[in-house]
Protein backbone atom coordinates (compact mmCIF):
# COMPACT_ATOMS: atom_id res chain seq x y z
CA MET A 1 0.09 -0.07 -0.03
CA LEU A 2 2.48 2.47 1.06
CA LEU A 3 6.05 3.16 1.85
CA VAL A 4 6.63 6.28 3.72
CA LEU A 5 10.34 7.01 3.94
CA PHE A 6 11.35 10.05 6.06
CA ILE A 7 14.98 11.15 5.51
CA THR A 8 16.13 13.98 7.79
CA LEU A 9 19.33 15.11 6.42
CA THR A 10 21.51 17.51 8.70
CA VAL A 11 23.75 19.89 6.90
CA PHE A 12 26.41 21.73 8.76
CA ALA A 13 28.45 24.79 7.67
CA PHE A 14 32.13 24.96 8.54
CA ASP A 15 35.17 25.21 6.42
CA PRO A 16 36.24 21.54 6.18
CA PHE A 17 32.89 20.61 4.72
CA ALA A 18 33.11 23.15 1.80
CA PRO A 19 33.52 21.61 -1.41
CA VAL A 20 36.72 22.47 -3.46
CA ARG A 21 35.57 25.13 -5.85
CA SER A 22 37.01 26.71 -8.85
CA GLU A 23 36.55 30.53 -7.68
CA GLY A 24 40.29 30.69 -6.84
CA PRO A 25 42.96 31.74 -9.42
CA PRO A 26 42.93 30.63 -12.12
CA LEU A 27 39.08 31.01 -12.54
CA VAL A 28 37.45 28.28 -14.81
CA PHE A 29 33.83 29.24 -14.89
CA GLU A 30 31.81 32.51 -15.48
CA LEU A 31 27.98 32.93 -15.54
CA GLU A 32 26.39 35.00 -17.93
CA LEU A 33 22.56 36.01 -18.18
CA PRO A 34 22.09 38.18 -21.30
CA ASP A 35 18.54 38.95 -20.57
CA PHE A 36 19.83 41.26 -17.61
CA GLN A 37 23.15 41.99 -19.26
CA LEU A 38 24.82 40.41 -16.24
CA SER A 39 27.94 38.26 -15.83
CA SER A 40 29.61 36.80 -12.61
CA THR A 41 31.97 34.45 -11.24
CA GLN A 42 30.42 34.50 -7.95
CA SER A 43 28.64 31.52 -6.74
CA GLU A 44 25.32 33.52 -5.73
CA ILE A 45 23.70 36.24 -7.67
CA THR A 46 20.24 38.01 -7.64
CA ILE A 47 18.26 38.88 -10.50
CA PRO A 48 14.88 40.79 -10.79
CA SER A 49 12.62 38.17 -12.02
CA SER A 50 12.60 34.45 -13.40
CA SER A 51 12.29 35.79 -16.98
CA VAL A 52 15.32 34.18 -18.30
CA SER A 53 15.48 32.92 -21.80
CA ARG A 54 19.34 32.03 -22.07
CA VAL A 55 22.22 31.02 -19.80
CA LEU A 56 25.88 31.22 -21.01
CA ILE A 57 28.56 29.71 -19.09
CA ASN A 58 32.29 30.62 -20.19
CA VAL A 59 34.89 27.83 -19.79
CA LEU A 60 37.97 30.06 -19.40
CA ASN A 61 41.35 29.83 -20.47
CA PRO A 62 44.10 28.44 -19.66
CA ALA A 63 41.90 25.60 -18.48
CA ALA A 64 39.60 25.55 -21.27
CA ASP A 65 42.70 24.74 -23.62
CA SER A 66 43.04 21.24 -22.31
CA ILE A 67 39.13 20.65 -21.88
CA ASP A 68 37.41 18.87 -24.93
CA TYR A 69 34.02 20.19 -26.09
CA GLY A 70 32.35 17.00 -25.22
CA ALA A 71 33.87 16.76 -21.64
CA ILE A 72 31.78 19.70 -20.38
CA LYS A 73 28.36 18.97 -18.71
CA THR A 74 25.64 21.17 -17.09
CA SER A 75 22.41 20.86 -15.36
CA ILE A 76 19.65 23.26 -14.36
CA ASN A 77 17.99 22.73 -10.95
CA GLY A 78 19.26 19.35 -10.81
CA ILE A 79 18.31 18.25 -14.33
CA ALA A 80 20.86 17.35 -16.95
CA SER A 81 20.87 19.99 -19.58
CA ALA A 82 22.70 18.61 -22.55
CA THR A 83 19.31 18.46 -24.60
CA ILE A 84 19.44 22.53 -24.75
CA ALA A 85 23.02 23.05 -24.65
CA GLU A 86 25.64 23.95 -27.46
CA VAL A 87 29.38 24.21 -26.93
CA VAL A 88 31.25 26.86 -29.09
CA ALA A 89 34.25 28.45 -29.29
CA GLY A 90 34.80 31.85 -27.73
CA VAL A 91 37.28 34.49 -27.44
CA ARG A 92 38.24 33.72 -23.72
CA GLY A 93 37.93 29.79 -24.13
CA LYS A 94 34.59 27.87 -24.70
CA ILE A 95 31.03 28.98 -24.23
CA VAL A 96 28.06 26.61 -23.25
CA LYS A 97 24.97 28.14 -24.67
CA LEU A 98 21.81 26.90 -22.65
CA ASP A 99 18.42 27.77 -24.43
CA LEU A 100 15.83 27.59 -21.65
CA GLN A 101 12.97 28.00 -24.11
CA ARG A 102 14.13 25.11 -26.43
CA LEU A 103 12.17 22.37 -24.27
CA PRO A 104 9.98 22.40 -21.22
CA GLY A 105 11.44 21.84 -17.65
CA PHE A 106 14.36 24.05 -17.93
CA GLN A 107 12.71 27.41 -17.15
CA PHE A 108 13.86 29.17 -14.14
CA ALA A 109 11.44 29.22 -11.12
CA ASN A 110 10.55 31.88 -8.72
CA GLY A 111 12.94 31.89 -5.81
CA ARG A 112 16.25 29.94 -6.11
CA ASN A 113 17.69 28.23 -9.24
CA THR A 114 21.08 26.12 -9.56
CA VAL A 115 23.06 26.00 -12.38
CA GLU A 116 25.92 23.43 -12.07
CA VAL A 117 28.79 22.80 -14.45
CA TRP A 118 31.52 20.37 -14.39
CA ALA A 119 34.44 19.53 -16.88
CA GLU A 120 37.28 17.14 -17.21
CA ASN A 121 40.53 17.98 -18.84
CA ARG A 122 42.69 15.56 -21.08
CA ARG A 123 44.73 14.59 -17.78
CA GLY A 124 41.64 13.51 -15.99
CA ARG A 125 41.50 16.59 -13.61
CA ASP A 126 37.80 17.48 -12.55
CA TYR A 127 36.57 21.07 -12.43
CA TYR A 128 33.28 21.61 -10.83
CA THR A 129 31.35 24.71 -9.74
CA SER A 130 27.58 25.63 -8.91
CA PHE A 131 25.80 28.99 -9.44
CA ILE A 132 22.77 29.82 -7.25
CA ILE A 133 20.52 32.47 -8.99
CA LYS A 134 18.05 34.01 -6.77
CA THR A 135 14.97 35.91 -8.25
CA ALA A 136 13.57 38.87 -6.47
CA THR A 137 10.37 37.36 -7.16
CA GLU A 138 8.88 34.29 -5.12
CA ASN A 139 5.85 32.02 -4.88
CA TRP A 140 4.46 33.88 -1.87
CA ASN A 141 1.56 31.59 -1.36
CA ASP A 142 2.48 27.70 -1.72
CA ASP A 143 -0.89 26.64 -3.62
CA ALA A 144 -0.90 29.38 -6.09
CA THR A 145 0.91 29.98 -9.22
CA TYR A 146 2.63 32.98 -9.85
CA LYS A 147 3.48 34.41 -13.32
CA PHE A 148 5.73 37.53 -13.87
CA PHE A 149 5.46 39.75 -16.99
CA PRO A 150 8.22 42.58 -16.75
CA SER A 151 7.64 45.64 -18.96
CA PRO A 152 9.97 45.88 -21.92
CA ASN A 153 10.98 49.36 -20.37
CA ALA A 154 11.79 48.02 -17.02
CA LYS A 155 13.59 44.86 -17.88
CA ASN A 156 16.04 44.96 -14.65
CA GLU A 157 13.08 46.09 -12.33
CA VAL A 158 11.42 43.82 -9.93
CA PRO A 159 7.75 43.14 -11.11
CA PRO A 160 5.03 43.70 -8.49
CA LYS A 161 4.81 41.56 -5.45
CA VAL A 162 1.37 39.97 -4.38
CA VAL A 163 0.99 38.35 -0.93
CA LEU A 164 -2.53 36.83 -0.47
CA ILE A 165 -3.55 36.84 3.25
CA GLU A 166 -7.02 35.43 2.12
CA PRO A 167 -7.24 32.73 0.61
CA ALA A 168 -3.85 31.41 1.95
CA ARG A 169 -4.22 28.27 0.14
CA ALA A 170 -6.51 26.75 -2.61
CA VAL A 171 -10.13 27.20 -2.37
CA GLU A 172 -12.15 24.17 -1.83
CA LEU A 173 -16.00 23.89 -2.14
CA SER A 174 -17.64 21.82 0.67
CA PRO A 175 -19.02 18.38 -0.04
CA GLY A 176 -22.49 18.89 -1.51
CA THR A 177 -22.13 22.56 -2.22
CA ASP A 178 -22.20 24.05 -5.80
CA SER A 179 -21.05 27.76 -5.00
CA ALA A 180 -19.27 29.64 -2.29
CA THR A 181 -18.41 33.23 -1.33
CA VAL A 182 -14.67 33.65 -1.15
CA SER A 183 -13.10 36.70 0.57
CA ILE A 184 -9.89 38.03 -1.31
CA LYS A 185 -7.51 39.98 0.72
CA GLY A 186 -3.92 40.74 0.17
CA ILE A 187 -0.96 43.20 -0.25
CA ALA A 188 0.68 44.27 -3.46
CA SER A 189 3.96 46.12 -3.44
CA ALA A 190 6.52 47.69 -5.60
CA THR A 191 10.14 48.43 -4.77
CA THR A 192 11.16 51.45 -6.89
CA THR A 193 7.65 52.54 -8.19
CA ASN A 194 3.91 52.55 -7.42
CA ILE A 195 1.21 50.01 -7.58
CA VAL A 196 -1.53 51.49 -10.13
CA ARG A 197 -3.91 48.60 -10.35
CA VAL A 198 -5.09 45.37 -8.82
CA SER A 199 -7.92 43.42 -10.36
CA VAL A 200 -9.63 40.12 -9.21
CA ASP A 201 -10.94 38.10 -12.39
CA GLY A 202 -10.54 41.10 -14.48
CA ARG A 203 -12.37 43.55 -12.18
CA ASP A 204 -10.22 46.35 -10.77
CA LEU A 205 -10.09 46.80 -7.01
CA ALA A 206 -9.95 50.12 -4.69
CA LEU A 207 -6.47 50.36 -3.11
CA LYS A 208 -5.46 51.53 0.36
CA ALA A 209 -1.96 52.40 1.37
CA VAL A 210 -0.59 50.12 4.15
CA PRO A 211 1.37 52.01 6.98
CA LYS A 212 5.15 50.84 6.90
CA THR A 213 4.71 48.75 10.33
CA LYS A 214 5.59 45.26 11.13
CA THR A 215 2.47 43.35 10.71
CA ARG A 216 2.53 39.47 10.49
CA GLU A 217 1.76 40.21 6.54
CA LEU A 218 4.45 42.55 6.12
CA THR A 219 7.12 40.11 7.41
CA ARG A 220 6.93 38.87 3.92
CA LEU A 221 7.46 41.96 2.17
CA SER A 222 9.89 45.18 3.00
CA VAL A 223 8.94 48.08 4.91
CA THR A 224 10.94 50.25 2.41
CA GLU A 225 8.43 49.13 -0.26
CA THR A 226 5.29 50.77 -1.51
CA ASN A 227 2.45 48.54 -0.17
CA MET A 228 -1.22 48.68 -1.14
CA ALA A 229 -3.80 46.66 0.51
CA PHE A 230 -6.79 45.30 -1.65
CA GLU A 231 -9.93 43.57 -0.52
CA THR A 232 -13.17 41.96 -1.96
CA THR A 233 -15.32 38.95 -2.03
CA ILE A 234 -16.37 36.88 -5.14
CA GLN A 235 -18.71 33.94 -5.84
CA VAL A 236 -17.21 30.79 -7.12
CA ASN A 237 -19.05 27.50 -8.26
CA THR A 238 -18.10 24.08 -9.60
CA ASN A 239 -17.29 25.69 -12.90
CA THR A 240 -14.76 27.89 -11.43
CA SER A 241 -11.29 26.40 -11.95
CA GLN A 242 -9.11 29.42 -10.59
CA ILE A 243 -9.13 32.93 -9.49
CA VAL A 244 -6.88 35.31 -10.99
CA ILE A 245 -5.27 38.16 -9.33
CA GLU A 246 -3.28 40.77 -11.40
CA ALA A 247 -1.11 43.70 -10.03
CA GLU A 248 0.43 46.23 -12.22
CA ASP A 249 2.85 48.88 -11.45
CA LYS A 250 3.58 52.40 -12.94
CA LEU A 251 6.21 51.08 -15.31
CA GLY A 252 3.73 48.58 -16.80
CA SER A 253 5.07 45.41 -15.25
CA ARG A 254 2.63 42.95 -14.11
CA THR A 255 2.19 40.00 -11.66
CA GLN A 256 -0.45 37.33 -11.97
CA VAL A 257 -1.64 35.04 -9.30
CA PHE A 258 -3.66 31.98 -10.04
CA VAL A 259 -5.52 30.37 -7.01
CA PRO A 260 -7.07 26.94 -7.82
CA VAL A 261 -10.51 26.27 -6.97
CA LEU A 262 -11.40 22.53 -6.14
CA SER A 263 -14.98 21.38 -6.22
CA GLU A 264 -14.06 17.64 -6.00
CA ASN A 265 -14.57 16.05 -2.76
CA ARG A 266 -10.93 14.70 -2.15
CA SER A 267 -11.25 12.42 0.96
CA PRO A 268 -7.92 11.71 2.78
CA ARG A 269 -6.60 8.11 1.88
CA PRO A 270 -5.94 5.99 5.19
CA VAL A 271 -2.63 4.14 5.78
CA LEU A 272 -3.24 0.33 5.53
CA GLY A 273 -0.79 -2.45 6.39
CA ARG A 274 1.55 -2.89 9.09
CA LYS A 275 3.64 -0.03 10.15
CA TYR A 276 7.59 -0.22 10.47
CA ALA A 277 9.96 2.77 11.22
CA LEU A 278 13.67 2.94 11.12
CA ILE A 279 14.74 6.03 13.04
CA ILE A 280 18.52 7.26 12.81
CA GLY A 281 19.94 10.31 14.78
CA VAL A 282 23.44 11.19 15.04
CA SER A 283 24.60 14.19 17.34
CA ARG A 284 28.05 12.47 18.57
CA TYR A 285 30.82 11.43 16.01
CA GLN A 286 33.56 9.38 16.49
CA ASN A 287 36.11 11.37 14.39
CA ASN A 288 34.66 14.72 15.51
CA GLY A 289 38.09 16.11 15.91
CA SER A 290 39.14 15.60 12.32
CA GLY A 291 36.72 17.71 10.34
CA ILE A 292 33.41 16.37 11.52
CA LYS A 293 31.83 18.40 14.30
CA ASN A 294 29.35 16.93 16.81
CA LEU A 295 25.69 18.34 16.81
CA GLU A 296 23.39 19.47 19.27
CA PHE A 297 19.84 18.02 18.71
CA ALA A 298 20.10 15.51 15.83
CA ASP A 299 19.54 12.50 18.36
CA ALA A 300 16.78 14.56 20.14
CA ASP A 301 14.90 15.00 17.03
CA ALA A 302 15.19 11.32 16.25
CA ARG A 303 14.06 10.04 19.73
CA ALA A 304 11.10 12.41 19.81
CA LEU A 305 9.70 10.90 16.69
CA TYR A 306 10.37 7.45 17.91
CA GLU A 307 8.42 8.01 20.90
CA PHE A 308 5.59 9.87 19.09
CA LEU A 309 5.13 7.16 16.50
CA GLN A 310 4.16 4.65 19.04
CA LYS A 311 1.25 6.95 20.09
CA SER A 312 -2.36 6.39 18.99
CA GLU A 313 -2.63 9.46 16.99
CA ALA A 314 0.53 8.71 14.96
CA GLY A 315 -0.98 5.04 14.15
CA LYS A 316 0.60 3.33 17.09
CA PHE A 317 3.61 1.74 15.50
CA SER A 318 4.62 -1.18 17.44
CA ARG A 319 7.84 -0.92 19.16
CA ASP A 320 8.74 -4.65 17.81
CA ASN A 321 8.62 -2.98 14.28
CA MET A 322 10.83 -0.05 15.11
CA LEU A 323 14.63 0.47 15.07
CA LEU A 324 16.32 3.26 16.63
CA LEU A 325 20.05 3.75 15.80
CA ALA A 326 21.43 6.72 17.78
CA ASN A 327 24.83 8.14 18.18
CA GLU A 328 27.32 5.31 18.68
CA ASP A 329 24.69 2.77 17.27
CA ALA A 330 24.49 4.53 13.82
CA THR A 331 27.53 3.36 12.18
CA THR A 332 28.05 2.82 8.66
CA ALA A 333 27.79 -0.93 8.91
CA ARG A 334 24.56 -0.82 11.14
CA ILE A 335 22.79 1.63 8.90
CA ARG A 336 23.84 -0.45 5.78
CA GLU A 337 22.43 -3.51 7.38
CA ALA A 338 19.31 -1.80 8.58
CA LEU A 339 18.70 -0.67 5.02
CA THR A 340 19.09 -4.06 3.69
CA SER A 341 17.29 -6.47 6.29
CA PHE A 342 15.15 -4.28 8.35
CA VAL A 343 13.50 -2.22 5.58
CA SER A 344 12.90 -5.56 3.48
CA ARG A 345 10.49 -6.73 6.36
CA ALA A 346 7.98 -4.17 5.06
CA GLU A 347 5.68 -5.71 2.36
CA ALA A 348 3.83 -3.92 -0.39
CA ASN A 349 0.97 -2.91 1.73
CA ASP A 350 2.97 -1.80 4.73
CA VAL A 351 4.12 1.35 5.79
CA LEU A 352 7.90 2.00 6.25
CA LEU A 353 9.21 5.08 7.67
CA ILE A 354 12.85 5.88 7.67
CA PHE A 355 14.16 9.13 9.56
CA PHE A 356 17.79 10.02 9.50
CA ALA A 357 18.89 13.12 11.58
CA GLY A 358 22.81 13.97 11.14
CA HIS A 359 25.30 15.55 8.92
CA GLY A 360 25.22 15.39 5.14
CA ALA A 361 28.17 16.76 3.18
CA ALA A 362 29.75 16.67 -0.16
CA ASP A 363 33.01 14.60 -0.69
CA PRO A 364 35.77 16.92 -0.53
CA ASN A 365 37.60 15.18 -2.97
CA ALA A 366 34.47 14.86 -5.36
CA PRO A 367 32.27 17.80 -4.79
CA ARG A 368 29.52 16.40 -6.89
CA SER A 369 29.10 13.31 -4.70
CA TYR A 370 26.88 13.98 -1.54
CA TYR A 371 26.88 11.60 1.53
CA LEU A 372 24.77 10.90 4.72
CA ILE A 373 27.54 11.21 7.51
CA THR A 374 27.39 8.34 10.18
CA HIS A 375 28.95 7.84 13.47
CA ASP A 376 32.14 6.48 12.43
CA THR A 377 32.55 8.23 8.98
CA ILE A 378 36.24 9.35 8.22
CA TYR A 379 36.08 13.00 6.73
CA GLU A 380 39.01 12.15 4.46
CA ASP A 381 37.82 8.87 3.20
CA MET A 382 34.01 9.63 2.85
CA SER A 383 33.57 7.62 -0.15
CA GLN A 384 34.19 4.49 1.73
CA THR A 385 32.88 5.42 5.21
CA ALA A 386 29.71 7.23 4.59
CA ILE A 387 26.33 6.42 2.59
CA SER A 388 26.16 8.06 -0.66
CA MET A 389 22.80 9.32 -2.20
CA THR A 390 23.75 6.72 -5.23
CA GLU A 391 23.92 3.89 -2.53
CA LEU A 392 20.84 5.05 -0.93
CA ARG A 393 18.91 4.88 -3.96
CA ARG A 394 20.45 1.29 -4.79
CA TYR A 395 19.18 0.06 -1.19
CA VAL A 396 15.79 1.53 -1.78
CA ASP A 397 15.40 0.02 -5.28
CA SER A 398 16.80 -3.36 -4.15
CA ASN A 399 15.38 -3.88 -0.69
CA VAL A 400 12.02 -1.81 -0.44
CA LYS A 401 8.84 -3.61 -1.47
CA SER A 402 6.29 -1.03 -0.66
CA LYS A 403 4.75 0.76 -3.35
CA GLN A 404 5.03 4.64 -2.45
CA LEU A 405 7.99 6.54 -1.16
CA ILE A 406 7.88 9.66 0.74
CA PHE A 407 11.32 11.35 1.46
CA LEU A 408 11.64 14.02 4.14
CA LEU A 409 14.94 15.82 3.89
CA ASP A 410 15.62 18.08 6.98
CA ALA A 411 18.53 20.10 7.12
CA CYS A 412 17.96 21.37 10.62
CA HIS A 413 20.80 21.22 13.12
CA SER A 414 23.84 23.22 13.93
CA ALA A 415 26.97 22.68 15.94
CA GLY A 416 26.96 26.30 16.94
CA VAL A 417 27.19 27.32 20.58
CA SER A 418 24.85 30.38 20.31
CA THR A 419 21.30 30.12 21.36
CA ARG A 420 20.14 29.74 17.94
CA GLY A 421 22.42 27.78 15.50
CA VAL A 422 22.47 27.81 11.86
CA ARG A 423 24.10 25.70 9.45
CA SER A 424 24.62 25.37 5.52
CA LEU A 425 26.74 23.34 2.99
CA ASP A 426 28.19 25.41 0.13
CA ASN A 427 25.05 25.93 -1.66
CA ASN A 428 23.23 22.91 -0.14
CA LEU A 429 22.45 21.02 -3.01
CA ALA A 430 21.93 17.58 -1.36
CA HIS A 431 18.38 17.74 -1.95
CA LEU A 432 18.96 17.94 -5.69
CA ARG A 433 20.85 14.65 -5.57
CA LEU A 434 17.74 13.07 -4.11
CA ARG A 435 15.63 13.81 -7.54
CA LYS A 436 16.52 10.42 -8.85
CA LEU A 437 14.65 8.86 -5.90
CA TYR A 438 11.56 10.79 -6.89
CA GLU A 439 11.41 9.54 -10.55
CA ALA A 440 9.20 6.46 -9.72
CA LYS A 441 5.52 6.97 -9.51
CA GLY A 442 4.06 7.48 -5.98
CA ARG A 443 7.28 9.01 -4.47
CA ALA A 444 7.66 12.15 -2.67
CA ILE A 445 10.42 14.36 -1.29
CA ILE A 446 10.10 17.10 1.08
CA THR A 447 13.14 19.24 2.13
CA SER A 448 13.44 21.59 5.05
CA SER A 449 14.94 24.38 3.02
CA ASP A 450 15.69 25.74 -0.38
CA VAL A 451 19.29 25.60 -1.81
CA ASP A 452 21.83 28.07 -0.41
CA GLU A 453 19.83 28.39 2.80
CA VAL A 454 21.02 27.80 6.18
CA SER A 455 18.71 25.56 8.51
CA ASN A 456 17.99 26.63 12.06
CA GLU A 457 18.04 24.68 15.60
CA SER A 458 17.47 26.25 18.93
CA VAL A 459 16.58 25.63 22.49
CA GLU A 460 13.45 27.74 21.75
CA TRP A 461 11.99 25.09 19.96
CA GLY A 462 10.90 22.36 22.20
CA ASN A 463 13.72 22.75 24.62
CA GLY A 464 16.11 21.72 21.63
CA HIS A 465 15.04 20.79 18.11
CA GLY A 466 15.63 21.79 14.58
CA VAL A 467 12.76 24.27 13.62
CA PHE A 468 11.72 21.90 11.05
CA THR A 469 11.67 18.81 13.03
CA TYR A 470 10.00 20.84 15.80
CA TYR A 471 7.00 22.01 13.44
CA LEU A 472 6.84 18.46 11.97
CA LEU A 473 6.05 16.87 15.37
CA GLU A 474 3.39 19.73 16.21
CA GLY A 475 1.81 19.21 12.68
CA LEU A 476 1.37 15.43 13.16
CA LYS A 477 0.04 15.93 16.62
CA GLY A 478 -2.87 17.87 15.01
CA ASP A 479 -1.94 21.47 14.27
CA ALA A 480 -1.74 20.83 10.70
CA ASP A 481 -5.34 19.58 10.45
CA GLU A 482 -6.59 22.36 8.16
CA ASN A 483 -10.01 21.47 7.49
CA ARG A 484 -10.52 19.97 11.07
CA ASP A 485 -11.45 16.46 9.85
CA ARG A 486 -9.23 15.07 12.61
CA LEU A 487 -6.83 13.69 9.90
CA VAL A 488 -3.62 15.13 9.07
CA THR A 489 -2.51 14.52 5.51
CA LEU A 490 0.78 14.82 3.81
CA GLY A 491 -0.37 17.98 1.97
CA GLU A 492 -1.62 19.64 5.13
CA LEU A 493 1.46 18.61 7.03
CA PHE A 494 3.68 20.36 4.43
CA ARG A 495 1.78 23.53 4.26
CA TYR A 496 1.58 23.62 8.09
CA VAL A 497 5.40 23.09 8.40
CA SER A 498 6.36 25.49 5.42
CA HIS A 499 4.36 28.36 7.06
CA LYS A 500 5.43 27.85 10.36
CA VAL A 501 9.24 27.45 9.54
CA GLN A 502 9.33 30.64 7.23
CA ASP A 503 7.54 32.63 9.97
CA ALA A 504 9.82 31.30 12.54
CA THR A 505 12.96 32.11 10.35
CA ALA A 506 11.77 35.29 8.89
CA ARG A 507 11.49 33.50 5.50
CA LYS A 508 15.11 32.68 5.58
CA GLN A 509 14.37 29.08 5.50
CA THR A 510 11.86 27.76 2.88
CA PRO A 511 10.92 24.16 2.96
CA GLN A 512 10.33 22.62 -0.44
CA LYS A 513 8.24 19.47 -1.72
CA MET A 514 8.00 17.23 -4.65
CA ILE A 515 4.65 15.41 -3.88
CA ASP A 516 1.91 13.65 -5.80
CA ASN A 517 0.05 11.91 -2.93
CA GLU A 518 -0.76 15.08 -0.72
CA ASP A 519 -4.26 13.28 0.40
CA LEU A 520 -2.38 10.51 2.24
CA ALA A 521 -3.52 10.63 5.95
CA LEU A 522 -0.55 10.59 8.08
CA ALA A 523 -1.79 11.01 11.68
CA ILE A 524 -5.05 11.30 13.66
CA ALA A 525 -5.87 14.77 15.24
CA TYR A 526 -7.71 15.74 18.35
CA GLN A 527 -7.87 12.48 20.12
CA PRO A 528 -10.88 12.48 22.58
């Protein structure tokens, strides 16, 4: 019936974990974005919007002289981009031309985007780097679709920002009803100009200036921007598929927000079969003095989930069907054994939950390879003493019999000594490496943060948790039950955790998802 595979991957930022990059002299790679007349060798840049048609990557001399044309590879947001790439000679070396409009699936998203490039010269030396391209535009509401239309006269200006306060999620008609009145309330803002128009389904609304005070809504905007509030109500029925909100600024740039209207009664799907759980948490590392620092709350997160899953509201996992590996028990050998023998006990209709809390890192000798760091991992010999993403996929494909997979990637811990710790891993691309695990039907991945974001932990969350794990537990206990049907679905859980984590971190940590089974019921809320 179901395999629920929760992987909590902790990513930690300190110098020994930073992959060897090619920024140091001589420079090897340079990124160009012709749409914005921008070029950079920095690992992170910000652009006004996601309206990018071409990406150029310059492979620079002298390194380019010894790199053949066919030895240069690229990817966009974790997807190999050879089908849209052309490598040509350039004045300063070689140029990789990426046409993002050639095929679907390569267009930039709102928020953060990743461009990776690697090459091998004729002597077998590898070169690699990754660029994070942030857009000033974002999908401010998780369930809505945002589209941006920069004016030709304002190519390098940020289009209007639109934050919906109501509805905060997709509109769902109640079972047995044909229509409903929907309240529309939000804020439109412009950075360097004024908002001149906001419409809902083509009808212009009255606008009201918002004072520059810190309200809950304005935490998603900037108090230096021009913020205009709008409010109305509209009628929707079973023939309404979406609500369209559009904002336009004085320069003529437009932003459209599409809010889905769902008239189908989507009942939560219960979990059937037996329930198994493999819970792994590593805070103490055998080789902590040689490149791997101990953590604060990874084992606490694992133990908290282990205890909660045995309660009635969490489905009452039998302790006989659970395996907890914490700290010294979470060695590479023990984890490999568990991923072989223990996970295979779950049959096709059973539930298997796997939770991993600990360090995740790129191999310093091969930055493209990412690993789960175990209690006895040797930093200098990561390829032999840690568990790679490729190895993890092999274990899943070979030993897991359950039909659906859900991966939870939680980068939530820190080895900092301050009240609130943060951590990151040189662009934090680990969750992109898990995309391959999502290719099979029924699988899902949730990550606690986006690329190039630190993830937070602190004693303020449950006396010592990562912020993501803390709200994960609170959501499963019932707080995520949006429609009060006493069931917490995967979709409800993600929306709850996403909103709470963003609010708690001032939107500096943004959970991500790739889910196709949001109606799966994970927990029972509000037990009598």
